[in-house]
Protein backbone atom coordinates (compact mmCIF):
# COMPACT_ATOMS: atom_id res chain seq x y z
CA MET A 1 40.59 192.68 129.72
CA SER A 2 43.70 193.19 127.58
CA PHE A 3 46.43 195.80 127.92
CA CYS A 4 49.51 196.46 125.75
CA THR A 5 52.72 195.34 127.30
CA GLN A 6 54.52 198.34 125.73
CA TYR A 7 52.02 200.64 127.24
CA LEU A 8 52.76 199.16 130.73
CA ALA A 9 56.52 199.35 130.26
CA GLN A 10 56.21 202.99 129.28
CA ARG A 11 53.93 203.57 132.29
CA PHE A 12 56.51 201.97 134.56
CA LYS A 13 59.28 204.30 133.25
CA ARG A 14 57.20 207.36 133.32
CA HIS A 15 55.48 206.90 136.65
CA LEU A 16 57.96 204.98 138.76
CA ARG A 17 57.45 207.44 141.47
CA GLN A 18 53.78 207.98 140.90
CA LEU A 19 52.38 204.47 140.83
CA ALA A 20 50.85 203.56 144.18
CA PRO A 21 48.83 200.57 145.23
CA TRP A 22 45.80 202.76 145.02
CA GLY A 23 43.83 202.43 148.16
CA LEU A 24 46.00 199.52 149.26
CA ALA A 25 48.64 201.16 151.35
CA GLY A 26 47.77 198.96 154.27
CA PHE A 27 46.65 196.01 152.14
CA LEU A 28 50.04 195.41 150.52
CA ALA A 29 52.64 195.57 153.41
CA LEU A 30 55.42 194.19 151.29
CA PRO A 31 59.19 193.96 151.53
CA ALA A 32 61.70 196.18 149.71
CA LEU A 33 63.71 194.29 147.17
CA THR A 34 66.35 195.12 144.54
CA LEU A 35 65.24 193.96 141.16
CA PRO A 36 66.06 194.01 137.50
CA ALA A 37 64.60 196.74 135.31
CA THR A 38 60.83 197.18 135.61
CA GLU A 39 60.47 196.58 131.73
CA GLY A 40 60.45 192.88 132.54
CA LEU A 41 57.37 192.99 134.74
CA LYS A 42 54.18 192.04 132.94
CA ILE A 43 50.62 191.96 133.92
CA PRO A 44 48.74 188.77 132.84
CA ASN A 45 45.67 188.81 130.68
CA LEU A 46 43.16 187.27 133.10
CA GLY A 47 40.27 187.82 130.81
CA GLU A 48 37.76 189.64 132.89
CA SER A 49 36.23 193.15 132.87
CA SER A 50 36.16 194.98 136.08
CA THR A 51 33.00 197.00 136.10
CA SER A 52 32.36 195.82 139.71
CA LEU A 53 34.02 193.86 142.34
CA PHE A 54 36.30 191.20 140.80
CA SER A 55 35.12 187.65 141.11
CA ALA A 56 36.71 185.27 143.49
CA ASP A 57 38.22 183.34 140.55
CA TYR A 58 39.74 186.48 139.00
CA GLU A 59 41.42 187.41 142.35
CA TYR A 60 42.57 183.87 142.84
CA ASN A 61 44.26 183.79 139.40
CA LEU A 62 45.71 187.16 139.93
CA GLY A 63 47.14 186.03 143.26
CA GLN A 64 48.66 182.93 141.79
CA TRP A 65 50.43 185.04 139.12
CA TRP A 66 51.67 187.43 141.83
CA LEU A 67 53.03 184.65 143.93
CA LYS A 68 55.04 183.11 141.08
CA SER A 69 56.52 186.49 140.38
CA PHE A 70 57.22 187.16 144.05
CA ARG A 71 58.93 183.84 144.59
CA ARG A 72 61.27 184.56 141.70
CA GLN A 73 62.46 187.85 143.34
CA ALA A 74 62.20 187.28 147.08
CA PRO A 75 64.40 185.18 149.40
CA THR A 76 61.87 182.74 150.75
CA LEU A 77 62.41 180.24 153.53
CA ASP A 78 61.99 176.52 152.73
CA ASP A 79 60.95 175.15 156.16
CA PRO A 80 58.03 172.75 155.91
CA LEU A 81 57.57 172.64 159.63
CA LEU A 82 57.35 176.44 159.96
CA TYR A 83 55.07 176.50 156.96
CA SER A 84 52.86 173.89 158.44
CA TYR A 85 52.46 175.90 161.63
CA LEU A 86 51.61 179.09 159.76
CA GLU A 87 49.00 177.26 157.59
CA SER A 88 47.39 175.63 160.63
CA LEU A 89 47.18 178.95 162.61
CA VAL A 90 45.79 181.03 159.73
CA PHE A 91 43.21 178.38 158.72
CA ASP A 92 42.01 178.31 162.34
CA LEU A 93 41.67 182.10 162.25
CA VAL A 94 40.00 182.00 158.84
CA THR A 95 37.18 179.76 160.16
CA HIS A 96 36.08 182.58 162.40
CA SER A 97 36.21 185.22 159.60
CA ASP A 98 33.88 186.16 156.76
CA LEU A 99 36.37 185.18 154.13
CA GLN A 100 34.42 183.34 151.40
CA ASP A 101 37.12 182.05 149.14
CA ARG A 102 39.45 179.97 151.33
CA ARG A 103 41.96 178.89 148.68
CA LEU A 104 44.87 180.21 150.61
CA GLU A 105 48.57 179.97 149.92
CA PHE A 106 51.40 181.13 152.18
CA VAL A 107 54.94 182.30 151.74
CA ILE A 108 57.58 182.91 154.38
CA VAL A 109 60.21 185.46 153.48
CA ASP A 110 63.66 184.98 154.88
CA ASN A 111 64.06 188.57 156.17
CA PRO A 112 64.57 189.77 159.76
CA THR A 113 62.37 192.76 159.33
CA ILE A 114 58.94 193.01 160.97
CA ASN A 115 56.40 192.54 158.14
CA ALA A 116 53.46 190.66 156.93
CA PHE A 117 51.24 191.04 153.82
CA ALA A 118 48.06 189.83 152.04
CA VAL A 119 47.54 189.86 148.36
CA PRO A 120 44.27 189.38 146.47
CA GLY A 121 43.55 185.80 145.74
CA GLY A 122 44.39 184.44 149.21
CA ILE A 123 48.18 184.98 149.37
CA ILE A 124 49.33 185.51 152.93
CA GLY A 125 52.97 186.06 153.78
CA VAL A 126 55.24 186.90 156.73
CA HIS A 127 58.88 187.80 157.27
CA THR A 128 60.76 185.61 159.66
CA GLY A 129 61.39 188.78 161.63
CA LEU A 130 57.72 188.89 162.62
CA PHE A 131 58.08 185.50 164.44
CA ASN A 132 61.07 186.97 166.22
CA TYR A 133 59.29 190.13 167.23
CA ALA A 134 55.83 188.80 168.29
CA GLN A 135 56.45 187.46 171.75
CA THR A 136 53.25 185.38 172.06
CA GLU A 137 51.01 183.52 169.68
CA ASP A 138 48.20 185.94 170.34
CA GLU A 139 50.39 188.90 169.26
CA PHE A 140 51.44 186.97 166.11
CA ALA A 141 47.77 186.11 165.38
CA THR A 142 46.81 189.77 165.78
CA VAL A 143 48.84 190.54 162.59
CA MET A 144 47.49 187.52 160.80
CA SER A 145 43.94 188.35 161.73
CA HIS A 146 44.51 191.90 160.37
CA GLU A 147 45.67 190.53 157.00
CA ILE A 148 42.79 188.08 156.81
CA ALA A 149 40.43 191.04 157.43
CA HIS A 150 41.88 192.82 154.37
CA LEU A 151 41.09 189.66 152.28
CA SER A 152 37.59 189.12 153.74
CA GLN A 153 36.58 192.85 153.28
CA ARG A 154 37.74 192.74 149.57
CA HIS A 155 39.81 195.81 149.96
CA PHE A 156 41.52 195.15 146.62
CA SER A 157 38.33 195.10 144.59
CA ARG A 158 36.96 197.99 146.53
CA GLY A 159 40.10 199.99 145.73
CA VAL A 160 39.58 199.17 142.07
CA GLU A 161 36.07 200.57 142.27
CA LEU A 162 37.28 203.78 143.90
CA ALA A 163 39.96 204.24 141.29
CA GLN A 164 37.34 203.81 138.57
CA SER A 165 35.01 206.30 140.13
CA GLN A 166 37.89 208.78 140.16
CA SER A 167 38.27 208.13 136.38
CA THR A 168 42.04 208.58 136.64
CA LEU A 169 43.48 205.10 136.82
CA ASN A 170 42.78 201.97 134.85
CA ILE A 171 43.26 198.40 136.03
CA ALA A 172 46.59 198.08 134.31
CA GLY A 173 47.98 200.85 136.39
CA LEU A 174 46.53 199.42 139.54
CA LEU A 175 48.04 195.94 138.88
CA ALA A 176 51.34 197.53 137.94
CA GLY A 177 51.21 199.45 141.18
CA ILE A 178 50.69 196.25 143.15
CA LEU A 179 53.68 194.64 141.57
CA LEU A 180 55.82 197.68 141.91
CA ALA A 181 54.93 197.89 145.71
CA ALA A 182 55.61 194.16 146.05
CA THR A 183 58.97 194.02 144.27
CA ALA A 184 60.56 197.50 143.81
CA GLY A 185 59.77 198.28 147.50
CA THR A 186 57.00 199.93 149.41
CA ASP A 187 58.67 203.35 149.19
CA ALA A 188 58.56 203.27 145.44
CA GLY A 189 54.99 201.94 145.41
CA LEU A 190 53.80 204.64 147.81
CA ALA A 191 55.85 207.43 146.35
CA ALA A 192 54.42 210.99 146.26
CA MET A 193 52.24 211.83 143.33
CA THR A 194 52.42 214.97 141.18
CA ALA A 195 50.78 218.26 142.20
CA THR A 196 47.97 217.75 139.69
CA GLN A 197 47.12 214.51 141.45
CA ALA A 198 47.08 215.96 144.95
CA ALA A 199 43.36 215.96 145.44
CA LEU A 200 43.17 212.34 144.28
CA GLN A 201 46.04 211.42 146.52
CA ASP A 202 44.15 212.90 149.55
CA GLU A 203 41.11 210.85 148.68
CA GLN A 204 43.10 207.68 148.34
CA LEU A 205 44.94 208.23 151.63
CA ARG A 206 41.54 208.68 153.38
CA TYR A 207 40.38 205.42 151.81
CA SER A 208 43.58 203.66 152.90
CA ARG A 209 43.06 204.83 156.47
CA ALA A 210 39.49 203.65 156.36
CA ASN A 211 40.71 200.24 155.19
CA GLU A 212 43.18 200.00 157.96
CA ALA A 213 40.56 201.01 160.67
CA GLU A 214 38.17 198.42 159.19
CA ALA A 215 40.94 195.71 159.18
CA ASP A 216 41.69 196.62 162.82
CA ARG A 217 38.06 196.21 163.85
CA VAL A 218 37.37 193.08 161.88
CA GLY A 219 40.72 191.50 162.77
CA LEU A 220 40.07 192.02 166.46
CA ARG A 221 36.74 190.21 166.15
CA ILE A 222 38.45 187.30 164.36
CA LEU A 223 41.07 187.17 167.04
CA TYR A 224 38.45 187.05 169.82
CA ASP A 225 36.19 184.51 168.01
CA ALA A 226 39.24 182.25 167.63
CA GLY A 227 39.56 182.14 171.39
CA MET A 228 42.56 184.47 171.72
CA ASP A 229 43.17 187.49 173.93
CA PRO A 230 41.87 190.70 172.12
CA TYR A 231 44.22 192.79 174.43
CA ALA A 232 47.14 191.26 172.49
CA ALA A 233 46.28 193.65 169.56
CA PRO A 234 46.95 197.01 171.34
CA ALA A 235 49.88 195.49 173.14
CA MET A 236 51.45 194.36 169.83
CA PHE A 237 50.85 197.75 168.29
CA GLU A 238 52.24 199.60 171.31
CA ARG A 239 55.48 197.71 171.24
CA MET A 240 55.81 198.15 167.50
CA LEU A 241 55.44 201.94 167.94
CA ALA A 242 57.85 201.98 170.81
CA SER A 243 60.47 200.19 168.74
CA THR A 244 60.66 203.15 166.36
CA ARG A 245 61.24 205.83 168.97
CA TYR A 246 64.99 205.27 169.04
CA SER A 247 65.32 204.23 165.41
CA SER A 248 65.94 206.32 162.38
CA ALA A 249 63.26 206.57 159.66
CA ASN A 250 65.32 204.19 157.47
CA ARG A 251 65.12 201.54 160.09
CA MET A 252 61.29 201.70 160.54
CA PRO A 253 59.71 198.33 160.16
CA GLU A 254 58.23 197.71 156.82
CA PHE A 255 54.88 196.76 158.38
CA MET A 256 54.65 200.20 159.91
CA ARG A 257 55.55 201.97 156.74
CA THR A 258 52.45 200.53 155.04
CA HIS A 259 50.32 200.04 158.13
CA PRO A 260 50.97 203.49 159.67
CA LEU A 261 50.64 203.39 163.55
CA SER A 262 49.87 206.36 165.58
CA GLU A 263 48.86 206.93 169.27
CA LYS A 264 45.28 207.48 168.11
CA ARG A 265 45.14 204.19 166.21
CA ILE A 266 46.51 202.39 169.21
CA ALA A 267 44.01 204.09 171.51
CA ASP A 268 41.16 203.10 169.12
CA THR A 269 42.38 199.54 169.22
CA ARG A 270 42.57 199.55 172.92
CA ASN A 271 39.09 200.87 173.17
CA ARG A 272 37.78 198.20 170.79
CA ALA A 273 39.56 195.51 172.89
CA ARG A 274 37.71 196.71 175.97
CA GLN A 275 34.52 195.55 174.38
CA TYR A 276 35.63 192.02 174.89
CA PRO A 277 36.56 190.23 178.09
CA LYS A 278 40.23 189.77 178.54
CA ARG A 279 41.55 186.17 178.20
CA ILE A 280 44.48 184.83 180.16
CA ARG A 281 46.08 182.16 177.97
CA PRO A 282 48.84 179.80 178.67
CA VAL A 283 52.05 180.07 176.77
CA SER A 284 51.70 178.37 173.36
CA LEU A 285 54.52 175.81 173.11
CA ASP A 286 53.79 175.29 169.38
CA TYR A 287 54.42 179.01 168.72
CA GLN A 288 57.52 179.27 170.97
CA LEU A 289 59.06 176.27 169.23
CA MET A 290 58.56 178.04 165.96
CA ARG A 291 60.18 181.14 167.28
CA ALA A 292 63.17 179.11 168.34
CA ARG A 293 63.50 177.65 164.81
CA VAL A 294 63.41 181.22 163.31
CA ALA A 295 65.97 182.49 165.90
CA VAL A 296 68.42 179.76 164.74
CA SER A 297 67.86 180.64 161.07
CA LEU A 298 68.29 184.37 161.80
CA ALA A 299 71.56 183.96 163.69
CA ASP A 300 74.74 184.92 161.87
CA THR A 301 76.40 181.65 162.87
CA PRO A 302 75.23 178.47 164.58
CA GLU A 303 77.66 179.15 167.45
CA GLU A 304 76.02 182.56 167.93
CA ALA A 305 72.59 180.80 168.22
CA VAL A 306 74.15 178.37 170.69
CA ALA A 307 75.29 181.31 172.90
CA GLN A 308 71.96 182.95 172.54
CA PHE A 309 69.90 180.05 173.88
CA LYS A 310 72.42 179.30 176.61
CA GLY A 311 72.00 182.87 177.71
CA GLU A 312 68.23 182.57 177.68
CA LEU A 313 68.38 179.42 179.81
CA GLU A 314 70.48 181.31 182.34
CA GLY A 315 67.58 183.73 182.76
CA ASN A 316 63.86 183.36 182.77
CA PRO A 317 62.78 182.51 179.18
CA ARG A 318 59.08 182.65 178.24
CA SER A 319 59.30 178.91 177.50
CA ARG A 320 62.21 177.02 178.91
CA GLU A 321 61.36 174.01 176.83
CA ALA A 322 61.40 176.08 173.58
CA ALA A 323 64.77 177.51 174.55
CA ILE A 324 66.19 174.02 175.06
CA TYR A 325 64.70 173.06 171.66
CA GLY A 326 66.43 176.02 170.09
CA LEU A 327 69.73 174.99 171.71
CA VAL A 328 69.22 171.45 170.24
CA LEU A 329 68.84 172.93 166.70
CA ALA A 330 71.76 175.29 167.16
CA LEU A 331 74.10 172.60 168.45
CA THR A 332 73.12 170.30 165.49
CA LYS A 333 73.86 173.13 162.97
CA ALA A 334 77.10 173.86 164.84
CA GLY A 335 78.38 170.30 164.16
CA ARG A 336 77.86 169.22 167.76
CA PRO A 337 75.32 166.47 167.45
CA ASP A 338 76.20 164.42 170.45
CA GLU A 339 75.66 167.43 172.74
CA ALA A 340 72.39 168.06 170.86
CA ALA A 341 71.17 164.55 171.51
CA LEU A 342 71.78 164.77 175.24
CA THR A 343 70.09 168.10 175.31
CA LEU A 344 67.13 166.77 173.39
CA ASP A 345 66.71 163.92 175.85
CA GLY A 346 65.88 166.50 178.54
CA ILE A 347 62.64 167.52 176.92
CA TRP A 348 61.63 164.60 174.71
CA SER A 349 60.80 161.94 177.35
CA ASP A 350 57.41 163.36 178.13
CA ARG A 351 56.58 164.32 174.59
CA GLU A 352 57.48 161.41 172.37
CA GLN A 353 54.85 162.19 169.71
CA ARG A 354 55.90 165.88 169.16
CA ILE A 355 56.84 166.18 165.50
CA GLU A 356 59.36 168.93 166.24
CA TYR A 357 61.41 166.63 168.45
CA ILE A 358 61.09 163.71 166.03
CA LEU A 359 62.48 165.86 163.33
CA ALA A 360 65.22 167.21 165.55
CA ASP A 361 66.19 163.69 166.40
CA ALA A 362 66.43 162.73 162.75
CA GLU A 363 68.55 165.80 162.01
CA ILE A 364 70.90 164.71 164.87
CA SER A 365 71.25 161.28 163.33
CA LEU A 366 72.00 162.82 159.91
CA ALA A 367 74.68 165.03 161.55
CA GLN A 368 76.22 162.01 163.20
CA GLY A 369 76.56 160.28 159.80
CA LYS A 370 73.67 157.89 160.40
CA PRO A 371 71.25 158.67 157.49
CA GLU A 372 69.88 155.05 157.53
CA LEU A 373 68.91 155.42 161.16
CA ALA A 374 67.31 158.79 160.50
CA ALA A 375 65.28 157.33 157.58
CA LYS A 376 64.16 154.39 159.73
CA LYS A 377 62.90 156.62 162.53
CA LEU A 378 60.95 158.83 160.10
CA GLN A 379 59.46 155.99 158.29
CA THR A 380 58.15 154.58 161.56
CA ARG A 381 56.54 157.91 162.38
CA LEU A 382 55.09 158.35 158.87
CA GLN A 383 53.17 155.07 159.32
CA LEU A 384 51.26 156.84 162.06
CA SER A 385 50.89 160.13 160.14
CA PRO A 386 50.85 159.23 156.44
CA GLY A 387 51.17 162.23 154.14
CA ASN A 388 52.46 164.59 156.84
CA HIS A 389 54.42 167.08 154.74
CA PRO A 390 57.30 167.97 157.08
CA LEU A 391 57.86 164.33 157.94
CA THR A 392 57.74 163.31 154.33
CA MET A 393 60.22 165.99 153.24
CA SER A 394 62.68 165.02 156.01
CA TYR A 395 62.18 161.30 155.18
CA ALA A 396 63.05 161.96 151.51
CA HIS A 397 66.10 163.90 152.49
CA ALA A 398 67.30 161.13 154.74
CA LEU A 399 66.76 158.60 152.06
CA GLN A 400 68.81 160.79 149.66
CA GLN A 401 71.62 161.02 152.19
CA SER A 402 71.50 157.21 152.75
CA GLN A 403 72.01 156.54 148.96
CA GLN A 404 68.44 155.43 148.46
CA SER A 405 67.48 157.97 145.76
CA HIS A 406 65.13 155.70 143.92
CA LEU A 407 63.00 155.26 147.06
CA ALA A 408 63.19 159.02 147.75
CA GLU A 409 61.97 159.61 144.29
CA GLU A 410 58.90 157.45 144.80
CA VAL A 411 58.17 159.18 148.15
CA LEU A 412 58.40 162.69 146.63
CA ILE A 413 56.37 161.81 143.48
CA ASP A 414 53.51 160.57 145.78
CA GLN A 415 53.88 163.67 147.92
CA SER A 416 53.72 165.88 144.86
CA ARG A 417 50.13 164.90 144.37
CA LEU A 418 49.29 166.27 147.73
CA LYS A 419 51.50 169.40 147.60
CA PRO A 420 51.86 170.23 143.94
CA SER A 421 52.47 174.00 144.58
CA ASP A 422 55.58 173.49 146.90
CA PRO A 423 58.72 174.67 145.01
CA GLY A 424 60.95 173.02 147.64
CA LEU A 425 59.47 169.62 146.95
CA TRP A 426 60.14 169.88 143.17
CA TYR A 427 63.63 171.12 143.81
CA LEU A 428 64.48 168.11 146.08
CA LEU A 429 62.74 165.75 143.64
CA ALA A 430 64.90 166.97 140.80
CA GLU A 431 68.03 166.39 142.88
CA VAL A 432 67.05 162.72 143.78
CA GLN A 433 66.04 161.99 140.22
CA GLY A 434 69.44 163.06 139.04
CA LEU A 435 71.04 160.80 141.61
CA SER A 436 68.80 157.94 140.63
CA GLY A 437 69.59 158.40 136.91
CA ASN A 438 66.07 159.52 135.92
CA ILE A 439 67.24 162.41 133.77
CA ILE A 440 63.93 162.88 131.96
CA GLY A 441 62.23 163.08 135.33
CA LEU A 442 64.85 165.56 136.55
CA HIS A 443 64.09 167.94 133.70
CA GLN A 444 60.40 167.63 134.30
CA SER A 445 60.67 168.30 137.99
CA ARG A 446 62.96 171.30 137.27
CA ALA A 447 60.33 172.61 134.92
CA GLU A 448 57.63 172.49 137.58
CA TYR A 449 59.99 174.24 140.01
CA PHE A 450 60.63 177.03 137.45
CA ILE A 451 56.90 177.37 136.78
CA LEU A 452 56.18 177.92 140.48
CA VAL A 453 58.89 180.58 140.74
CA GLY A 454 57.69 182.38 137.63
CA ASN A 455 60.54 181.56 135.19
CA LEU A 456 58.57 180.19 132.24
CA ASP A 457 61.46 180.39 129.81
CA ALA A 458 63.53 178.10 132.02
CA ALA A 459 60.67 175.77 132.52
CA GLN A 460 60.17 175.34 128.78
CA ARG A 461 63.86 174.76 128.23
CA GLN A 462 63.86 171.93 130.75
CA LEU A 463 60.96 170.27 128.99
CA VAL A 464 62.61 170.58 125.62
CA TYR A 465 65.69 168.87 127.05
CA ALA A 466 63.43 166.13 128.47
CA LEU A 467 61.66 165.62 125.10
CA LYS A 468 64.93 165.04 123.26
CA LEU A 469 65.65 162.07 125.68
CA VAL A 470 62.29 160.42 125.47
CA GLY A 471 62.83 158.45 122.26
CA ASP A 472 59.85 156.34 121.25
CA ASP A 473 57.88 156.52 124.42
CA PHE A 474 54.87 158.30 122.92
CA THR A 475 52.97 158.51 126.25
CA VAL A 476 55.66 160.50 128.01
CA SER A 477 56.36 162.64 124.99
CA ALA A 478 52.62 163.49 124.71
CA GLN A 479 52.61 164.47 128.44
CA ILE A 480 55.67 166.67 127.93
CA ASN A 481 54.32 168.36 124.80
CA GLU A 482 51.00 169.04 126.68
CA ARG A 483 52.89 170.76 129.50
CA ILE A 484 54.99 172.77 126.97
CA GLY A 485 51.63 173.91 125.48
CA GLN A 486 50.40 174.98 128.89
CA ILE A 487 53.55 176.95 129.39
CA ILE A 488 53.12 178.66 126.07
CA ASP A 489 49.56 179.56 127.06
CA MET A 490 50.83 181.10 130.29
CA ARG A 491 53.41 183.18 128.39
CA THR A 492 50.82 184.20 125.90
CA ASP A 493 48.52 185.57 128.70
CA LEU A 494 51.49 187.52 130.00
CA ASP A 495 52.40 188.96 126.60
CA ARG A 496 48.80 189.97 126.06
CA GLY A 497 48.85 191.73 129.46
């Protein structure tokens, strides 16, 4: 399909308060952001008619485009360990779902609000605030299972079909609405429509409610089949609803604005949960450690985080070990590495293979001004777990700090073949290449970073800079020219949108 960019820009101006993610109110639970003018937002030409459900490849390509646009606008968290946990949990849940296309990608938004979202093409994201709010892994998995259900039930494509059957909205408007909801804020994306569209709005809201009910039902089955407690779902929803009773409307969690909760919906979820046997599960240390990492990142200052975890340890924390781990991280960030080392010793002796503690120990060594020691520790561990992404990124950082940028460059180039879509990897690689004197490589890595965050103009400029430095190396110049051509093709698809 092909749509005129000018048409879309005019549509954005004219219908800023009318464009909704039609039929996707629950599907796109996305954060509110402040952005430049909407004229800069373009829909790519993905080359497919939509007379029926979109193909998996179409949705995947759409999701990839969306993710690049989102990364450019949203404050994302670059934490390979947290990312690895999220990836592992979601893939475990997905194996118990009906999702056919499992080419998934994840994004963690550095935002304290309670929110999660799924976007067609296998993009699943969470706000750090959700980790902070969901007290148990089962509660967190409840939200993830719900988002997986939206993907597996193809709610995006079915929403397109409904819009077409109404004969009132074309695909350009639908895609524009998705981007608007994702970047200009859910309130804008779900704004009230004009009186002449009232009947259609009512039909769309009914469809959205049906989507939510279906995602609740399917998500609960995924949760149970994955071995988790189905009663965590109504418990999570009840606490989310309770959190709004003493809050103003402006403070309502984003998740609830686009996944509206009511007493009836909670009652329905509770009744569905009763169809399954209740499971008593032990506290997930993996999840509680991740919550501790998030708590440190959300604290206004490291000393505030230190006080928070010391306070928890004076009481009865859900996981004492995780609270001690959080204190270790907070002390390290607060410039108190010797205290952090002593604190870490209290939990590490029985869990020498835990990656969280290995990385914490390396961070302590870096804070003590011993980057060579940190690199040596991480290298030893990587020999047992080659290719492990959190370990590799920490190892490269330690090498950089120990003035071994050439070795860090080699490590990251190898890792880029395993994780080519990680913007943080390309950002760090560009830094170490600059330190090692590989200026051509620096520009190439910056280009890859800019591509992944949707800034094609900056990416092309970096490659042009690199091309000027190549000289007579025709192999490298050919590679750079080929990549420039690919960027031009990407931009052409957007301009045709």
